[in-house]
Amino acid sequence: MGSQANRKSVSFAVSDESVHAKLCAMALATATQGEAVLDIKLFMCPECAHIEPDRAPACCPVCDTPAEAFLPV
């Protein structure tokens, strides 16, 4: 894997980890209050694995993959 590909991969990972942290914080806050974790629909970009809650964006904010390519998870 080339240097440019490595930078792209790390960039994807850093961006997505911030989203994962927000989703985990939401789940923890809900569980701490004694409630069931919310049933949130998640959509994943097949190109970079970016995750969006509720609905797919018009295009991936990380890699520009179009919304119709996103996968429900």
PDB file of N, CA and C in Angstrom:
ATOM      1  N   MET A   1       0.849  -1.160   0.000  1.00  0.00           N
ATOM      2  CA  MET A   1       0.000   0.000   0.000  1.00  0.00           C
ATOM      3  C   MET A   1       0.903   1.234   0.000  1.00  0.00           C
ATOM      4  N   GLY A   2       0.603   2.166  -0.840  1.00  0.00           N
ATOM      5  CA  GLY A   2       1.426   3.358  -0.961  1.00  0.00           C
ATOM      6  C   GLY A   2       1.181   4.365   0.145  1.00  0.00           C
ATOM      7  N   SER A   3       2.059   5.339   0.217  1.00  0.00           N
ATOM      8  CA  SER A   3       1.974   6.370   1.240  1.00  0.00           C
ATOM      9  C   SER A   3       0.655   7.145   1.161  1.00  0.00           C
ATOM     10  N   GLN A   4       0.213   7.481  -0.043  1.00  0.00           N
ATOM     11  CA  GLN A   4      -1.041   8.216  -0.201  1.00  0.00           C
ATOM     12  C   GLN A   4      -2.227   7.373   0.265  1.00  0.00           C
ATOM     13  N   ALA A   5      -2.218   6.097  -0.060  1.00  0.00           N
ATOM     14  CA  ALA A   5      -3.298   5.195   0.376  1.00  0.00           C
ATOM     15  C   ALA A   5      -3.306   5.068   1.897  1.00  0.00           C
ATOM     16  N   ASN A   6      -2.124   5.026   2.501  1.00  0.00           N
ATOM     17  CA  ASN A   6      -2.042   4.951   3.967  1.00  0.00           C
ATOM     18  C   ASN A   6      -2.641   6.197   4.604  1.00  0.00           C
ATOM     19  N   ARG A   7      -2.311   7.365   4.087  1.00  0.00           N
ATOM     20  CA  ARG A   7      -2.854   8.607   4.631  1.00  0.00           C
ATOM     21  C   ARG A   7      -4.373   8.640   4.496  1.00  0.00           C
ATOM     22  N   LYS A   8      -4.884   8.178   3.348  1.00  0.00           N
ATOM     23  CA  LYS A   8      -6.324   8.161   3.117  1.00  0.00           C
ATOM     24  C   LYS A   8      -7.014   7.232   4.118  1.00  0.00           C
ATOM     25  N   SER A   9      -6.429   6.074   4.331  1.00  0.00           N
ATOM     26  CA  SER A   9      -6.992   5.096   5.254  1.00  0.00           C
ATOM     27  C   SER A   9      -7.023   5.638   6.680  1.00  0.00           C
ATOM     28  N   VAL A  10      -5.940   6.260   7.111  1.00  0.00           N
ATOM     29  CA  VAL A  10      -5.883   6.828   8.461  1.00  0.00           C
ATOM     30  C   VAL A  10      -6.879   7.970   8.593  1.00  0.00           C
ATOM     31  N   SER A  11      -7.020   8.774   7.556  1.00  0.00           N
ATOM     32  CA  SER A  11      -7.976   9.878   7.572  1.00  0.00           C
ATOM     33  C   SER A  11      -9.394   9.360   7.752  1.00  0.00           C
ATOM     34  N   PHE A  12      -9.753   8.297   7.033  1.00  0.00           N
ATOM     35  CA  PHE A  12     -11.071   7.682   7.176  1.00  0.00           C
ATOM     36  C   PHE A  12     -11.276   7.207   8.617  1.00  0.00           C
ATOM     37  N   ALA A  13     -10.276   6.536   9.164  1.00  0.00           N
ATOM     38  CA  ALA A  13     -10.392   5.971  10.508  1.00  0.00           C
ATOM     39  C   ALA A  13     -10.587   7.059  11.562  1.00  0.00           C
ATOM     40  N   VAL A  14      -9.820   8.128  11.474  1.00  0.00           N
ATOM     41  CA  VAL A  14      -9.928   9.219  12.449  1.00  0.00           C
ATOM     42  C   VAL A  14     -11.314   9.854  12.384  1.00  0.00           C
ATOM     43  N   SER A  15     -11.792  10.109  11.179  1.00  0.00           N
ATOM     44  CA  SER A  15     -13.111  10.718  11.013  1.00  0.00           C
ATOM     45  C   SER A  15     -14.204   9.825  11.584  1.00  0.00           C
ATOM     46  N   ASP A  16     -14.148   8.555  11.282  1.00  0.00           N
ATOM     47  CA  ASP A  16     -15.193   7.644  11.735  1.00  0.00           C
ATOM     48  C   ASP A  16     -15.155   7.394  13.234  1.00  0.00           C
ATOM     49  N   GLU A  17     -13.983   7.434  13.831  1.00  0.00           N
ATOM     50  CA  GLU A  17     -13.916   7.214  15.276  1.00  0.00           C
ATOM     51  C   GLU A  17     -14.621   8.328  16.044  1.00  0.00           C
ATOM     52  N   SER A  18     -14.638   9.535  15.511  1.00  0.00           N
ATOM     53  CA  SER A  18     -15.366  10.613  16.195  1.00  0.00           C
ATOM     54  C   SER A  18     -16.869  10.333  16.160  1.00  0.00           C
ATOM     55  N   VAL A  19     -17.358   9.792  15.052  1.00  0.00           N
ATOM     56  CA  VAL A  19     -18.780   9.420  14.958  1.00  0.00           C
ATOM     57  C   VAL A  19     -19.075   8.265  15.905  1.00  0.00           C
ATOM     58  N   HIS A  20     -18.202   7.268  15.946  1.00  0.00           N
ATOM     59  CA  HIS A  20     -18.400   6.124  16.834  1.00  0.00           C
ATOM     60  C   HIS A  20     -18.447   6.584  18.286  1.00  0.00           C
ATOM     61  N   ALA A  21     -17.586   7.525  18.652  1.00  0.00           N
ATOM     62  CA  ALA A  21     -17.566   8.027  20.026  1.00  0.00           C
ATOM     63  C   ALA A  21     -18.895   8.697  20.376  1.00  0.00           C
ATOM     64  N   LYS A  22     -19.457   9.469  19.459  1.00  0.00           N
ATOM     65  CA  LYS A  22     -20.741  10.128  19.703  1.00  0.00           C
ATOM     66  C   LYS A  22     -21.859   9.102  19.875  1.00  0.00           C
ATOM     67  N   LEU A  23     -21.869   8.071  19.019  1.00  0.00           N
ATOM     68  CA  LEU A  23     -22.900   7.036  19.127  1.00  0.00           C
ATOM     69  C   LEU A  23     -22.775   6.263  20.432  1.00  0.00           C
ATOM     70  N   CYS A  24     -21.552   5.962  20.839  1.00  0.00           N
ATOM     71  CA  CYS A  24     -21.338   5.257  22.111  1.00  0.00           C
ATOM     72  C   CYS A  24     -21.768   6.121  23.291  1.00  0.00           C
ATOM     73  N   ALA A  25     -21.501   7.416  23.234  1.00  0.00           N
ATOM     74  CA  ALA A  25     -21.913   8.322  24.309  1.00  0.00           C
ATOM     75  C   ALA A  25     -23.434   8.365  24.418  1.00  0.00           C
ATOM     76  N   MET A  26     -24.121   8.392  23.276  1.00  0.00           N
ATOM     77  CA  MET A  26     -25.591   8.370  23.291  1.00  0.00           C
ATOM     78  C   MET A  26     -26.100   7.089  23.926  1.00  0.00           C
ATOM     79  N   ALA A  27     -25.524   5.959  23.558  1.00  0.00           N
ATOM     80  CA  ALA A  27     -25.953   4.667  24.101  1.00  0.00           C
ATOM     81  C   ALA A  27     -25.679   4.592  25.597  1.00  0.00           C
ATOM     82  N   LEU A  28     -24.523   5.070  26.040  1.00  0.00           N
ATOM     83  CA  LEU A  28     -24.177   5.041  27.451  1.00  0.00           C
ATOM     84  C   LEU A  28     -25.111   5.930  28.266  1.00  0.00           C
ATOM     85  N   ALA A  29     -25.397   7.126  27.762  1.00  0.00           N
ATOM     86  CA  ALA A  29     -26.296   8.029  28.469  1.00  0.00           C
ATOM     87  C   ALA A  29     -27.683   7.417  28.619  1.00  0.00           C
ATOM     88  N   THR A  30     -28.160   6.770  27.584  1.00  0.00           N
ATOM     89  CA  THR A  30     -29.478   6.138  27.620  1.00  0.00           C
ATOM     90  C   THR A  30     -29.484   4.987  28.613  1.00  0.00           C
ATOM     91  N   ALA A  31     -28.463   4.143  28.560  1.00  0.00           N
ATOM     92  CA  ALA A  31     -28.391   2.990  29.457  1.00  0.00           C
ATOM     93  C   ALA A  31     -28.211   3.425  30.908  1.00  0.00           C
ATOM     94  N   THR A  32     -27.452   4.482  31.154  1.00  0.00           N
ATOM     95  CA  THR A  32     -27.223   4.987  32.503  1.00  0.00           C
ATOM     96  C   THR A  32     -28.516   5.471  33.136  1.00  0.00           C
ATOM     97  N   GLN A  33     -29.427   5.960  32.335  1.00  0.00           N
ATOM     98  CA  GLN A  33     -30.719   6.436  32.832  1.00  0.00           C
ATOM     99  C   GLN A  33     -31.684   5.279  33.070  1.00  0.00           C
ATOM    100  N   GLY A  34     -31.224   4.051  32.843  1.00  0.00           N
ATOM    101  CA  GLY A  34     -32.056   2.887  33.076  1.00  0.00           C
ATOM    102  C   GLY A  34     -33.005   2.573  31.934  1.00  0.00           C
ATOM    103  N   GLU A  35     -32.819   3.209  30.815  1.00  0.00           N
ATOM    104  CA  GLU A  35     -33.672   2.976  29.652  1.00  0.00           C
ATOM    105  C   GLU A  35     -32.979   2.025  28.682  1.00  0.00           C
ATOM    106  N   ALA A  36     -33.767   1.437  27.831  1.00  0.00           N
ATOM    107  CA  ALA A  36     -33.208   0.599  26.779  1.00  0.00           C
ATOM    108  C   ALA A  36     -32.467   1.500  25.788  1.00  0.00           C
ATOM    109  N   VAL A  37     -31.410   0.970  25.218  1.00  0.00           N
ATOM    110  CA  VAL A  37     -30.676   1.731  24.218  1.00  0.00           C
ATOM    111  C   VAL A  37     -31.607   1.997  23.044  1.00  0.00           C
ATOM    112  N   LEU A  38     -31.596   3.214  22.581  1.00  0.00           N
ATOM    113  CA  LEU A  38     -32.487   3.613  21.501  1.00  0.00           C
ATOM    114  C   LEU A  38     -32.308   2.751  20.264  1.00  0.00           C
ATOM    115  N   ASP A  39     -33.398   2.495  19.615  1.00  0.00           N
ATOM    116  CA  ASP A  39     -33.358   1.748  18.364  1.00  0.00           C
ATOM    117  C   ASP A  39     -33.094   2.755  17.241  1.00  0.00           C
ATOM    118  N   ILE A  40     -31.841   2.975  16.951  1.00  0.00           N
ATOM    119  CA  ILE A  40     -31.452   3.963  15.951  1.00  0.00           C
ATOM    120  C   ILE A  40     -31.080   3.235  14.665  1.00  0.00           C
ATOM    121  N   LYS A  41     -31.579   3.729  13.559  1.00  0.00           N
ATOM    122  CA  LYS A  41     -31.167   3.195  12.269  1.00  0.00           C
ATOM    123  C   LYS A  41     -29.786   3.758  11.959  1.00  0.00           C
ATOM    124  N   LEU A  42     -28.892   2.891  11.501  1.00  0.00           N
ATOM    125  CA  LEU A  42     -27.544   3.300  11.130  1.00  0.00           C
ATOM    126  C   LEU A  42     -27.297   2.959   9.668  1.00  0.00           C
ATOM    127  N   PHE A  43     -26.562   3.798   9.004  1.00  0.00           N
ATOM    128  CA  PHE A  43     -26.218   3.591   7.599  1.00  0.00           C
ATOM    129  C   PHE A  43     -24.711   3.703   7.443  1.00  0.00           C
ATOM    130  N   MET A  44     -24.123   2.707   6.764  1.00  0.00           N
ATOM    131  CA  MET A  44     -22.674   2.640   6.623  1.00  0.00           C
ATOM    132  C   MET A  44     -22.239   2.813   5.167  1.00  0.00           C
ATOM    133  N   CYS A  45     -21.227   3.624   4.983  1.00  0.00           N
ATOM    134  CA  CYS A  45     -20.641   3.806   3.663  1.00  0.00           C
ATOM    135  C   CYS A  45     -19.811   2.569   3.323  1.00  0.00           C
ATOM    136  N   PRO A  46     -20.046   1.936   2.182  1.00  0.00           N
ATOM    137  CA  PRO A  46     -19.296   0.745   1.832  1.00  0.00           C
ATOM    138  C   PRO A  46     -17.850   1.035   1.418  1.00  0.00           C
ATOM    139  N   GLU A  47     -17.552   2.274   1.139  1.00  0.00           N
ATOM    140  CA  GLU A  47     -16.201   2.646   0.703  1.00  0.00           C
ATOM    141  C   GLU A  47     -15.253   2.869   1.879  1.00  0.00           C
ATOM    142  N   CYS A  48     -15.708   3.617   2.891  1.00  0.00           N
ATOM    143  CA  CYS A  48     -14.805   3.979   3.985  1.00  0.00           C
ATOM    144  C   CYS A  48     -15.314   3.568   5.367  1.00  0.00           C
ATOM    145  N   ALA A  49     -16.507   2.979   5.430  1.00  0.00           N
ATOM    146  CA  ALA A  49     -17.124   2.495   6.671  1.00  0.00           C
ATOM    147  C   ALA A  49     -17.613   3.627   7.582  1.00  0.00           C
ATOM    148  N   HIS A  50     -17.759   4.820   7.053  1.00  0.00           N
ATOM    149  CA  HIS A  50     -18.334   5.927   7.823  1.00  0.00           C
ATOM    150  C   HIS A  50     -19.767   5.558   8.181  1.00  0.00           C
ATOM    151  N   ILE A  51     -20.187   5.861   9.404  1.00  0.00           N
ATOM    152  CA  ILE A  51     -21.528   5.528   9.865  1.00  0.00           C
ATOM    153  C   ILE A  51     -22.308   6.805  10.154  1.00  0.00           C
ATOM    154  N   GLU A  52     -23.538   6.840   9.681  1.00  0.00           N
ATOM    155  CA  GLU A  52     -24.445   7.961   9.922  1.00  0.00           C
ATOM    156  C   GLU A  52     -25.703   7.435  10.607  1.00  0.00           C
ATOM    157  N   PRO A  53     -26.156   8.101  11.682  1.00  0.00           N
ATOM    158  CA  PRO A  53     -27.410   7.695  12.309  1.00  0.00           C
ATOM    159  C   PRO A  53     -28.618   8.250  11.555  1.00  0.00           C
ATOM    160  N   ASP A  54     -29.716   7.558  11.673  1.00  0.00           N
ATOM    161  CA  ASP A  54     -31.037   7.959  11.163  1.00  0.00           C
ATOM    162  C   ASP A  54     -31.222   7.803   9.656  1.00  0.00           C
ATOM    163  N   ARG A  55     -30.334   8.388   8.851  1.00  0.00           N
ATOM    164  CA  ARG A  55     -30.484   8.273   7.389  1.00  0.00           C
ATOM    165  C   ARG A  55     -29.131   8.499   6.716  1.00  0.00           C
ATOM    166  N   ALA A  56     -29.019   8.012   5.515  1.00  0.00           N
ATOM    167  CA  ALA A  56     -27.782   8.223   4.755  1.00  0.00           C
ATOM    168  C   ALA A  56     -27.707   9.682   4.314  1.00  0.00           C
ATOM    169  N   PRO A  57     -26.525  10.280   4.345  1.00  0.00           N
ATOM    170  CA  PRO A  57     -26.387  11.653   3.866  1.00  0.00           C
ATOM    171  C   PRO A  57     -26.444  11.680   2.340  1.00  0.00           C
ATOM    172  N   ALA A  58     -26.565  12.852   1.758  1.00  0.00           N
ATOM    173  CA  ALA A  58     -26.595  12.968   0.289  1.00  0.00           C
ATOM    174  C   ALA A  58     -25.349  12.333  -0.319  1.00  0.00           C
ATOM    175  N   CYS A  59     -24.225  12.525   0.348  1.00  0.00           N
ATOM    176  CA  CYS A  59     -22.990  11.835  -0.020  1.00  0.00           C
ATOM    177  C   CYS A  59     -22.140  11.722   1.235  1.00  0.00           C
ATOM    178  N   CYS A  60     -21.255  10.767   1.245  1.00  0.00           N
ATOM    179  CA  CYS A  60     -20.414  10.527   2.412  1.00  0.00           C
ATOM    180  C   CYS A  60     -19.528  11.750   2.671  1.00  0.00           C
ATOM    181  N   PRO A  61     -19.514  12.255   3.911  1.00  0.00           N
ATOM    182  CA  PRO A  61     -18.684  13.409   4.222  1.00  0.00           C
ATOM    183  C   PRO A  61     -17.188  13.096   4.232  1.00  0.00           C
ATOM    184  N   VAL A  62     -16.857  11.815   4.227  1.00  0.00           N
ATOM    185  CA  VAL A  62     -15.453  11.418   4.251  1.00  0.00           C
ATOM    186  C   VAL A  62     -14.915  11.151   2.852  1.00  0.00           C
ATOM    187  N   CYS A  63     -15.694  10.397   2.036  1.00  0.00           N
ATOM    188  CA  CYS A  63     -15.151   9.961   0.742  1.00  0.00           C
ATOM    189  C   CYS A  63     -16.036  10.282  -0.462  1.00  0.00           C
ATOM    190  N   ASP A  64     -17.153  10.977  -0.256  1.00  0.00           N
ATOM    191  CA  ASP A  64     -18.066  11.403  -1.326  1.00  0.00           C
ATOM    192  C   ASP A  64     -18.853  10.291  -2.006  1.00  0.00           C
ATOM    193  N   THR A  65     -18.943   9.125  -1.396  1.00  0.00           N
ATOM    194  CA  THR A  65     -19.773   8.058  -1.947  1.00  0.00           C
ATOM    195  C   THR A  65     -21.238   8.506  -1.883  1.00  0.00           C
ATOM    196  N   PRO A  66     -22.034   8.290  -2.949  1.00  0.00           N
ATOM    197  CA  PRO A  66     -23.426   8.747  -2.953  1.00  0.00           C
ATOM    198  C   PRO A  66     -24.307   7.981  -1.956  1.00  0.00           C
ATOM    199  N   ALA A  67     -25.380   8.630  -1.537  1.00  0.00           N
ATOM    200  CA  ALA A  67     -26.289   8.078  -0.523  1.00  0.00           C
ATOM    201  C   ALA A  67     -26.827   6.703  -0.892  1.00  0.00           C
ATOM    202  N   GLU A  68     -27.145   6.503  -2.170  1.00  0.00           N
ATOM    203  CA  GLU A  68     -27.752   5.227  -2.563  1.00  0.00           C
ATOM    204  C   GLU A  68     -26.823   4.031  -2.368  1.00  0.00           C
ATOM    205  N   ALA A  69     -25.536   4.264  -2.171  1.00  0.00           N
ATOM    206  CA  ALA A  69     -24.597   3.160  -1.941  1.00  0.00           C
ATOM    207  C   ALA A  69     -24.525   2.767  -0.461  1.00  0.00           C
ATOM    208  N   PHE A  70     -25.008   3.638   0.452  1.00  0.00           N
ATOM    209  CA  PHE A  70     -24.943   3.352   1.875  1.00  0.00           C
ATOM    210  C   PHE A  70     -25.742   2.099   2.218  1.00  0.00           C
ATOM    211  N   LEU A  71     -25.254   1.351   3.182  1.00  0.00           N
ATOM    212  CA  LEU A  71     -25.880   0.100   3.608  1.00  0.00           C
ATOM    213  C   LEU A  71     -26.502   0.255   4.980  1.00  0.00           C
ATOM    214  N   PRO A  72     -27.732  -0.209   5.180  1.00  0.00           N
ATOM    215  CA  PRO A  72     -28.312  -0.184   6.525  1.00  0.00           C
ATOM    216  C   PRO A  72     -27.617  -1.229   7.391  1.00  0.00           C
ATOM    217  N   VAL A  73     -27.312  -0.867   8.620  1.00  0.00           N
ATOM    218  CA  VAL A  73     -26.661  -1.814   9.537  1.00  0.00           C
ATOM    219  C   VAL A  73     -27.431  -1.908  10.837  1.00  0.00           C
TER     220      VAL A  73
END
